Each structure stands twice: as C-alpha cells, then as structure tokens.
Amino acid sequence: MKKIVDYRKLLGVTEAAELQELKSTYRSLMKSWHPDKFQDSEESKLNAEEKSKTIIEAYHFLVSIAPETRNQSFAEYTLTTTTSAITDFEYKAQVLRVEFADGNAYEYFDVPRAVYIKLVNADSPGRFARRHIYNEYVYRSLSKLVASA
C-alpha cells in the first residue's frame, strides 16, 4: 500500500524496523521539526506544524502495523477471528475494514479487489475470511491503535 511505503520513507525506516527503532527515529524527527524551533516566520512555523503532524501520523500508523504490536495482541486477534462473527465489512482503496460481533474491528491492507468480490459473494464470509484474508494480509486493530514501545 502506498500509505505504508510513504510513511516508511518519511521516517526513513525499513519494513523490518522494530518498535524501538521507530520510536528513536520519531523522536529525532520531532526534535528537528518541532514548530517551536521555527519562530523566524509564520510560514515556516506553519510548514513545521504540518510536517510534525504528518510525522506523528506516520509513527502511530507504523507502530500499529509493526510485528511486535501484532504479536502483543495475537491471542485476542485469534480469538476474535475464530469465534466472533463478522457484523460488517467495507472496502476502499485496497483496504478492507472488518467489524466483528465482539466489538473489535480490523483493517487489512493491500487486499486485491478480486478477493473482496469473492468475500462479498461467499456463502459464508466468515469462513472465506478465515481461509483467505485473516492470516494473509498486513492488518491493524482499530480498537487498539497504539502499543507501548
């Protein structure tokens, strides 16, 4: 997904970046782009505010999809995907959002449109998702967006 790639470029990290590396990179970028450092002109201060907001968004997003974050909540994820029924799902720009009866919701990234169409047409969307979506695509919890680093 372009969003993931763009955020990794912005922070200058690789796909294998661990939470501690994300955190230190984030902190150093925020030190460089903090709006208080740009008091010389209003325009530069506004640019720094925009850049810092983008850095914050990128950091939180990458933390939410990091393998360590997913490992922390894997038991809950497995319980939800194996025992809870799908109540709703939505597809937009290769992102599949799935809501479950237990109140949890997850986003799956880079899901091809063909897979989404098969999900819609499946006799049992839950069974189809367990076989072809849940363990195949990068996901993040929408219920718990940030793990501790």
N, C-alpha and C. Protein backbone atom coordinates (compact mmCIF):
# COMPACT_ATOMS: atom_id res chain seq x y z
N MET A 1 0.83 -1.17 0.00
CA MET A 1 0.00 0.00 0.00
C MET A 1 0.88 1.24 0.00
N LYS A 2 0.50 2.19 -0.78
CA LYS A 2 1.28 3.41 -0.93
C LYS A 2 1.45 4.14 0.39
N LYS A 3 0.43 4.14 1.24
CA LYS A 3 0.49 4.83 2.52
C LYS A 3 1.61 4.25 3.39
N ILE A 4 1.71 2.94 3.43
CA ILE A 4 2.75 2.29 4.23
C ILE A 4 4.13 2.66 3.71
N VAL A 5 4.31 2.59 2.40
CA VAL A 5 5.59 2.91 1.79
C VAL A 5 5.96 4.37 2.04
N ASP A 6 5.00 5.26 1.86
CA ASP A 6 5.25 6.69 2.08
C ASP A 6 5.64 6.98 3.52
N TYR A 7 4.95 6.36 4.46
CA TYR A 7 5.27 6.58 5.87
C TYR A 7 6.65 6.03 6.22
N ARG A 8 7.00 4.90 5.66
CA ARG A 8 8.34 4.35 5.93
C ARG A 8 9.41 5.26 5.35
N LYS A 9 9.17 5.80 4.16
CA LYS A 9 10.13 6.75 3.56
C LYS A 9 10.26 8.00 4.42
N LEU A 10 9.14 8.53 4.88
CA LEU A 10 9.14 9.74 5.70
C LEU A 10 9.98 9.54 6.95
N LEU A 11 9.81 8.41 7.61
CA LEU A 11 10.57 8.15 8.83
C LEU A 11 11.95 7.55 8.54
N GLY A 12 12.18 7.13 7.31
CA GLY A 12 13.47 6.57 6.94
C GLY A 12 13.74 5.22 7.57
N VAL A 13 12.71 4.38 7.65
CA VAL A 13 12.87 3.05 8.24
C VAL A 13 12.50 1.98 7.20
N THR A 14 12.93 0.76 7.48
CA THR A 14 12.63 -0.35 6.59
C THR A 14 11.43 -1.12 7.12
N GLU A 15 11.03 -2.10 6.36
CA GLU A 15 9.91 -2.96 6.75
C GLU A 15 10.23 -3.73 8.03
N ALA A 16 11.49 -4.00 8.25
CA ALA A 16 11.91 -4.79 9.42
C ALA A 16 12.14 -3.93 10.66
N ALA A 17 11.81 -2.66 10.62
CA ALA A 17 12.05 -1.77 11.75
C ALA A 17 11.28 -2.23 12.99
N GLU A 18 11.98 -2.27 14.10
CA GLU A 18 11.36 -2.67 15.36
C GLU A 18 10.80 -1.43 16.06
N LEU A 19 9.98 -1.64 17.08
CA LEU A 19 9.34 -0.54 17.77
C LEU A 19 10.34 0.46 18.34
N GLN A 20 11.44 -0.03 18.88
CA GLN A 20 12.43 0.86 19.47
C GLN A 20 13.07 1.75 18.41
N GLU A 21 13.34 1.19 17.24
CA GLU A 21 13.89 1.98 16.14
C GLU A 21 12.88 3.03 15.65
N LEU A 22 11.62 2.63 15.55
CA LEU A 22 10.58 3.59 15.17
C LEU A 22 10.51 4.74 16.17
N LYS A 23 10.57 4.39 17.43
CA LYS A 23 10.46 5.40 18.48
C LYS A 23 11.63 6.38 18.44
N SER A 24 12.85 5.87 18.30
CA SER A 24 14.01 6.77 18.28
C SER A 24 14.03 7.63 17.02
N THR A 25 13.63 7.06 15.89
CA THR A 25 13.56 7.84 14.64
C THR A 25 12.50 8.92 14.77
N TYR A 26 11.36 8.56 15.31
CA TYR A 26 10.27 9.52 15.52
C TYR A 26 10.73 10.67 16.41
N ARG A 27 11.37 10.35 17.51
CA ARG A 27 11.82 11.40 18.44
C ARG A 27 12.82 12.34 17.79
N SER A 28 13.77 11.80 17.04
CA SER A 28 14.76 12.67 16.41
C SER A 28 14.13 13.56 15.34
N LEU A 29 13.18 13.00 14.58
CA LEU A 29 12.48 13.83 13.58
C LEU A 29 11.64 14.92 14.25
N MET A 30 11.00 14.59 15.35
CA MET A 30 10.19 15.59 16.04
C MET A 30 11.05 16.70 16.64
N LYS A 31 12.27 16.36 17.06
CA LYS A 31 13.18 17.39 17.55
C LYS A 31 13.54 18.34 16.42
N SER A 32 13.73 17.80 15.23
CA SER A 32 14.10 18.62 14.08
C SER A 32 12.94 19.46 13.57
N TRP A 33 11.74 18.92 13.62
CA TRP A 33 10.58 19.58 13.02
C TRP A 33 9.60 20.18 14.01
N HIS A 34 9.98 20.29 15.26
CA HIS A 34 9.06 20.86 16.23
C HIS A 34 8.79 22.33 15.88
N PRO A 35 7.52 22.73 15.86
CA PRO A 35 7.17 24.10 15.46
C PRO A 35 7.82 25.20 16.30
N ASP A 36 8.16 24.91 17.55
CA ASP A 36 8.79 25.92 18.39
C ASP A 36 10.19 26.30 17.90
N LYS A 37 10.81 25.46 17.10
CA LYS A 37 12.13 25.77 16.55
C LYS A 37 12.05 26.74 15.37
N PHE A 38 10.85 26.96 14.86
CA PHE A 38 10.67 27.79 13.66
C PHE A 38 9.91 29.07 14.01
N GLN A 39 10.53 29.93 14.80
CA GLN A 39 9.89 31.17 15.23
C GLN A 39 10.21 32.35 14.31
N ASP A 40 11.11 32.16 13.33
CA ASP A 40 11.55 33.26 12.48
C ASP A 40 10.43 33.80 11.57
N SER A 41 9.57 32.91 11.06
CA SER A 41 8.46 33.39 10.23
C SER A 41 7.23 32.51 10.46
N GLU A 42 6.08 33.11 10.24
CA GLU A 42 4.83 32.39 10.44
C GLU A 42 4.70 31.25 9.43
N GLU A 43 5.18 31.47 8.21
CA GLU A 43 5.09 30.46 7.16
C GLU A 43 5.92 29.22 7.50
N SER A 44 7.14 29.44 7.97
CA SER A 44 7.97 28.29 8.34
C SER A 44 7.41 27.55 9.54
N LYS A 45 6.79 28.30 10.46
CA LYS A 45 6.17 27.65 11.61
C LYS A 45 4.99 26.79 11.18
N LEU A 46 4.17 27.28 10.25
CA LEU A 46 3.04 26.50 9.75
C LEU A 46 3.51 25.26 8.99
N ASN A 47 4.58 25.40 8.20
CA ASN A 47 5.15 24.25 7.50
C ASN A 47 5.64 23.19 8.49
N ALA A 48 6.29 23.66 9.56
CA ALA A 48 6.78 22.73 10.58
C ALA A 48 5.62 22.04 11.30
N GLU A 49 4.54 22.75 11.54
CA GLU A 49 3.37 22.14 12.17
C GLU A 49 2.79 21.03 11.29
N GLU A 50 2.67 21.31 10.00
CA GLU A 50 2.15 20.30 9.06
C GLU A 50 3.07 19.09 9.01
N LYS A 51 4.37 19.35 8.92
CA LYS A 51 5.34 18.25 8.85
C LYS A 51 5.30 17.42 10.13
N SER A 52 5.21 18.07 11.29
CA SER A 52 5.19 17.33 12.55
C SER A 52 3.90 16.51 12.69
N LYS A 53 2.78 17.05 12.20
CA LYS A 53 1.53 16.27 12.22
C LYS A 53 1.66 15.02 11.35
N THR A 54 2.28 15.16 10.20
CA THR A 54 2.48 14.03 9.30
C THR A 54 3.41 13.00 9.94
N ILE A 55 4.45 13.46 10.61
CA ILE A 55 5.39 12.55 11.28
C ILE A 55 4.67 11.79 12.40
N ILE A 56 3.84 12.48 13.16
CA ILE A 56 3.09 11.83 14.24
C ILE A 56 2.15 10.77 13.67
N GLU A 57 1.43 11.13 12.62
CA GLU A 57 0.51 10.18 11.98
C GLU A 57 1.25 8.96 11.46
N ALA A 58 2.39 9.19 10.81
CA ALA A 58 3.19 8.08 10.27
C ALA A 58 3.68 7.17 11.39
N TYR A 59 4.16 7.75 12.46
CA TYR A 59 4.66 6.96 13.59
C TYR A 59 3.56 6.07 14.17
N HIS A 60 2.42 6.66 14.46
CA HIS A 60 1.32 5.89 15.05
C HIS A 60 0.84 4.78 14.11
N PHE A 61 0.79 5.09 12.83
CA PHE A 61 0.35 4.09 11.87
C PHE A 61 1.35 2.93 11.80
N LEU A 62 2.64 3.25 11.67
CA LEU A 62 3.65 2.19 11.57
C LEU A 62 3.75 1.37 12.85
N VAL A 63 3.55 1.98 14.00
CA VAL A 63 3.53 1.23 15.25
C VAL A 63 2.35 0.27 15.26
N SER A 64 1.21 0.71 14.73
CA SER A 64 0.01 -0.14 14.76
C SER A 64 0.12 -1.37 13.87
N ILE A 65 0.97 -1.32 12.82
CA ILE A 65 1.12 -2.49 11.95
C ILE A 65 2.43 -3.24 12.19
N ALA A 66 3.23 -2.80 13.13
CA ALA A 66 4.51 -3.45 13.42
C ALA A 66 4.28 -4.87 13.93
N PRO A 67 5.17 -5.79 13.54
CA PRO A 67 5.03 -7.19 14.01
C PRO A 67 4.97 -7.31 15.53
N GLU A 68 5.75 -6.49 16.24
CA GLU A 68 5.73 -6.56 17.71
C GLU A 68 4.35 -6.19 18.26
N THR A 69 3.73 -5.19 17.66
CA THR A 69 2.39 -4.78 18.10
C THR A 69 1.40 -5.89 17.84
N ARG A 70 1.47 -6.48 16.65
CA ARG A 70 0.55 -7.57 16.34
C ARG A 70 0.80 -8.77 17.23
N ASN A 71 2.05 -9.05 17.58
CA ASN A 71 2.36 -10.18 18.47
C ASN A 71 1.78 -9.96 19.86
N GLN A 72 1.76 -8.69 20.31
CA GLN A 72 1.23 -8.38 21.64
C GLN A 72 -0.26 -8.71 21.74
N SER A 73 -0.97 -8.58 20.63
CA SER A 73 -2.42 -8.80 20.67
C SER A 73 -2.85 -10.01 19.84
N PHE A 74 -1.92 -10.90 19.53
CA PHE A 74 -2.22 -12.03 18.66
C PHE A 74 -3.27 -12.98 19.26
N ALA A 75 -3.21 -13.21 20.56
CA ALA A 75 -4.19 -14.12 21.19
C ALA A 75 -5.60 -13.56 21.06
N GLU A 76 -5.75 -12.26 21.32
CA GLU A 76 -7.07 -11.63 21.19
C GLU A 76 -7.52 -11.63 19.73
N TYR A 77 -6.58 -11.36 18.81
CA TYR A 77 -6.90 -11.36 17.38
C TYR A 77 -7.38 -12.74 16.95
N THR A 78 -6.67 -13.78 17.36
CA THR A 78 -7.03 -15.14 17.01
C THR A 78 -8.40 -15.51 17.57
N LEU A 79 -8.65 -15.13 18.81
CA LEU A 79 -9.95 -15.41 19.43
C LEU A 79 -11.07 -14.71 18.64
N THR A 80 -10.86 -13.47 18.29
CA THR A 80 -11.88 -12.72 17.54
C THR A 80 -12.13 -13.34 16.18
N THR A 81 -11.06 -13.63 15.45
CA THR A 81 -11.23 -14.12 14.07
C THR A 81 -11.73 -15.56 14.01
N THR A 82 -11.56 -16.32 15.07
CA THR A 82 -12.03 -17.71 15.03
C THR A 82 -13.40 -17.91 15.66
N THR A 83 -13.78 -17.05 16.60
CA THR A 83 -15.04 -17.29 17.31
C THR A 83 -16.11 -16.22 17.10
N SER A 84 -15.74 -15.07 16.64
CA SER A 84 -16.71 -13.98 16.52
C SER A 84 -17.16 -13.82 15.07
N ALA A 85 -18.43 -13.58 14.89
CA ALA A 85 -18.99 -13.41 13.54
C ALA A 85 -18.69 -12.02 13.00
N ILE A 86 -18.61 -11.93 11.70
CA ILE A 86 -18.45 -10.64 11.03
C ILE A 86 -19.79 -9.93 11.06
N THR A 87 -19.81 -8.70 11.54
CA THR A 87 -21.05 -7.92 11.54
C THR A 87 -21.12 -6.97 10.35
N ASP A 88 -19.95 -6.50 9.87
CA ASP A 88 -19.93 -5.58 8.75
C ASP A 88 -18.52 -5.56 8.16
N PHE A 89 -18.44 -5.24 6.87
CA PHE A 89 -17.15 -5.02 6.26
C PHE A 89 -17.28 -3.98 5.17
N GLU A 90 -16.16 -3.29 4.91
CA GLU A 90 -16.14 -2.20 3.95
C GLU A 90 -14.81 -2.25 3.22
N TYR A 91 -14.83 -1.93 1.95
CA TYR A 91 -13.63 -1.98 1.13
C TYR A 91 -13.44 -0.64 0.43
N LYS A 92 -12.24 -0.08 0.58
CA LYS A 92 -11.93 1.18 -0.09
C LYS A 92 -10.43 1.26 -0.33
N ALA A 93 -10.04 1.47 -1.58
CA ALA A 93 -8.63 1.67 -1.95
C ALA A 93 -7.71 0.56 -1.41
N GLN A 94 -8.08 -0.66 -1.63
CA GLN A 94 -7.32 -1.86 -1.23
C GLN A 94 -7.20 -2.02 0.29
N VAL A 95 -8.07 -1.36 1.04
CA VAL A 95 -8.11 -1.53 2.49
C VAL A 95 -9.47 -2.12 2.83
N LEU A 96 -9.44 -3.28 3.47
CA LEU A 96 -10.66 -3.96 3.89
C LEU A 96 -10.82 -3.77 5.39
N ARG A 97 -11.93 -3.18 5.78
CA ARG A 97 -12.24 -2.98 7.20
C ARG A 97 -13.29 -4.01 7.58
N VAL A 98 -13.00 -4.79 8.63
CA VAL A 98 -13.91 -5.83 9.08
C VAL A 98 -14.28 -5.56 10.54
N GLU A 99 -15.59 -5.55 10.80
CA GLU A 99 -16.09 -5.37 12.17
C GLU A 99 -16.68 -6.69 12.64
N PHE A 100 -16.43 -7.01 13.90
CA PHE A 100 -16.85 -8.28 14.47
C PHE A 100 -17.90 -8.08 15.55
N ALA A 101 -18.64 -9.15 15.85
CA ALA A 101 -19.72 -9.10 16.84
C ALA A 101 -19.20 -8.80 18.24
N ASP A 102 -17.95 -9.12 18.53
CA ASP A 102 -17.41 -8.85 19.87
C ASP A 102 -16.96 -7.40 20.06
N GLY A 103 -17.15 -6.57 19.02
CA GLY A 103 -16.81 -5.16 19.12
C GLY A 103 -15.46 -4.79 18.54
N ASN A 104 -14.64 -5.76 18.20
CA ASN A 104 -13.35 -5.47 17.60
C ASN A 104 -13.51 -5.16 16.12
N ALA A 105 -12.58 -4.38 15.60
CA ALA A 105 -12.55 -4.06 14.18
C ALA A 105 -11.10 -4.04 13.72
N TYR A 106 -10.86 -4.55 12.52
CA TYR A 106 -9.51 -4.63 11.97
C TYR A 106 -9.50 -4.10 10.54
N GLU A 107 -8.36 -3.51 10.14
CA GLU A 107 -8.13 -3.10 8.77
C GLU A 107 -7.09 -4.03 8.17
N TYR A 108 -7.34 -4.48 6.96
CA TYR A 108 -6.40 -5.33 6.22
C TYR A 108 -5.93 -4.55 5.00
N PHE A 109 -4.63 -4.52 4.77
CA PHE A 109 -4.05 -3.69 3.72
C PHE A 109 -3.62 -4.50 2.51
N ASP A 110 -3.68 -3.86 1.35
CA ASP A 110 -3.29 -4.45 0.06
C ASP A 110 -4.16 -5.64 -0.33
N VAL A 111 -5.42 -5.60 0.03
CA VAL A 111 -6.35 -6.66 -0.35
C VAL A 111 -6.82 -6.38 -1.78
N PRO A 112 -6.57 -7.32 -2.70
CA PRO A 112 -7.00 -7.10 -4.08
C PRO A 112 -8.52 -7.04 -4.19
N ARG A 113 -9.00 -6.30 -5.14
CA ARG A 113 -10.45 -6.16 -5.35
C ARG A 113 -11.09 -7.52 -5.63
N ALA A 114 -10.38 -8.39 -6.33
CA ALA A 114 -10.92 -9.73 -6.64
C ALA A 114 -11.20 -10.52 -5.36
N VAL A 115 -10.35 -10.39 -4.36
CA VAL A 115 -10.55 -11.08 -3.09
C VAL A 115 -11.77 -10.51 -2.38
N TYR A 116 -11.92 -9.19 -2.42
CA TYR A 116 -13.09 -8.56 -1.81
C TYR A 116 -14.38 -9.04 -2.49
N ILE A 117 -14.38 -9.12 -3.80
CA ILE A 117 -15.57 -9.58 -4.53
C ILE A 117 -15.91 -11.01 -4.15
N LYS A 118 -14.89 -11.85 -4.00
CA LYS A 118 -15.12 -13.23 -3.56
C LYS A 118 -15.69 -13.27 -2.15
N LEU A 119 -15.23 -12.35 -1.29
CA LEU A 119 -15.76 -12.27 0.07
C LEU A 119 -17.24 -11.91 0.04
N VAL A 120 -17.59 -10.93 -0.78
CA VAL A 120 -18.99 -10.49 -0.89
C VAL A 120 -19.87 -11.63 -1.39
N ASN A 121 -19.38 -12.41 -2.35
CA ASN A 121 -20.17 -13.46 -2.96
C ASN A 121 -20.09 -14.81 -2.24
N ALA A 122 -19.29 -14.90 -1.19
CA ALA A 122 -19.11 -16.17 -0.49
C ALA A 122 -20.38 -16.58 0.26
N ASP A 123 -20.64 -17.88 0.30
CA ASP A 123 -21.77 -18.40 1.08
C ASP A 123 -21.60 -18.07 2.55
N SER A 124 -20.36 -18.18 3.03
CA SER A 124 -20.03 -17.86 4.41
C SER A 124 -18.85 -16.89 4.42
N PRO A 125 -19.11 -15.59 4.54
CA PRO A 125 -18.00 -14.62 4.56
C PRO A 125 -16.98 -14.90 5.66
N GLY A 126 -17.45 -15.36 6.82
CA GLY A 126 -16.53 -15.66 7.91
C GLY A 126 -15.57 -16.78 7.57
N ARG A 127 -16.08 -17.84 6.98
CA ARG A 127 -15.23 -18.96 6.59
C ARG A 127 -14.26 -18.53 5.49
N PHE A 128 -14.75 -17.77 4.50
CA PHE A 128 -13.88 -17.29 3.43
C PHE A 128 -12.76 -16.42 4.00
N ALA A 129 -13.11 -15.51 4.91
CA ALA A 129 -12.12 -14.61 5.50
C ALA A 129 -11.08 -15.38 6.31
N ARG A 130 -11.52 -16.40 7.07
CA ARG A 130 -10.57 -17.20 7.84
C ARG A 130 -9.58 -17.91 6.92
N ARG A 131 -10.03 -18.35 5.76
CA ARG A 131 -9.15 -19.09 4.84
C ARG A 131 -8.29 -18.19 3.98
N HIS A 132 -8.79 -17.00 3.61
CA HIS A 132 -8.11 -16.22 2.58
C HIS A 132 -7.70 -14.80 2.97
N ILE A 133 -8.09 -14.33 4.13
CA ILE A 133 -7.80 -12.93 4.48
C ILE A 133 -7.05 -12.79 5.79
N TYR A 134 -7.57 -13.34 6.87
CA TYR A 134 -7.07 -13.05 8.21
C TYR A 134 -5.57 -13.24 8.39
N ASN A 135 -5.01 -14.29 7.84
CA ASN A 135 -3.58 -14.53 8.04
C ASN A 135 -2.75 -14.26 6.79
N GLU A 136 -3.36 -13.62 5.80
CA GLU A 136 -2.66 -13.37 4.54
C GLU A 136 -2.22 -11.93 4.35
N TYR A 137 -2.85 -10.99 5.03
CA TYR A 137 -2.59 -9.58 4.77
C TYR A 137 -2.18 -8.86 6.05
N VAL A 138 -1.39 -7.80 5.86
CA VAL A 138 -1.00 -6.96 6.99
C VAL A 138 -2.27 -6.33 7.54
N TYR A 139 -2.40 -6.36 8.85
CA TYR A 139 -3.60 -5.82 9.48
C TYR A 139 -3.23 -4.96 10.67
N ARG A 140 -4.21 -4.18 11.10
CA ARG A 140 -4.07 -3.46 12.37
C ARG A 140 -5.43 -3.40 13.04
N SER A 141 -5.38 -3.36 14.36
CA SER A 141 -6.60 -3.25 15.14
C SER A 141 -7.05 -1.80 15.13
N LEU A 142 -8.33 -1.59 14.93
CA LEU A 142 -8.88 -0.25 15.02
C LEU A 142 -9.33 0.04 16.44
N SER A 143 -9.40 -1.00 17.27
CA SER A 143 -9.82 -0.82 18.65
C SER A 143 -8.66 -0.35 19.51
N LYS A 144 -7.47 -0.88 19.23
CA LYS A 144 -6.26 -0.51 19.99
C LYS A 144 -5.22 -0.08 18.98
N LEU A 145 -5.11 1.22 18.76
CA LEU A 145 -4.26 1.70 17.68
C LEU A 145 -2.80 1.85 18.04
N VAL A 146 -2.46 1.90 19.31
CA VAL A 146 -1.06 2.11 19.66
C VAL A 146 -0.62 1.12 20.73
N ALA A 147 0.52 0.50 20.52
CA ALA A 147 1.10 -0.38 21.53
C ALA A 147 2.24 0.37 22.19
N SER A 148 2.66 -0.10 23.33
CA SER A 148 3.76 0.56 24.01
C SER A 148 5.07 0.15 23.37
N ALA A 149 5.93 1.13 23.18
CA ALA A 149 7.23 0.87 22.55
C ALA A 149 8.30 0.78 23.60
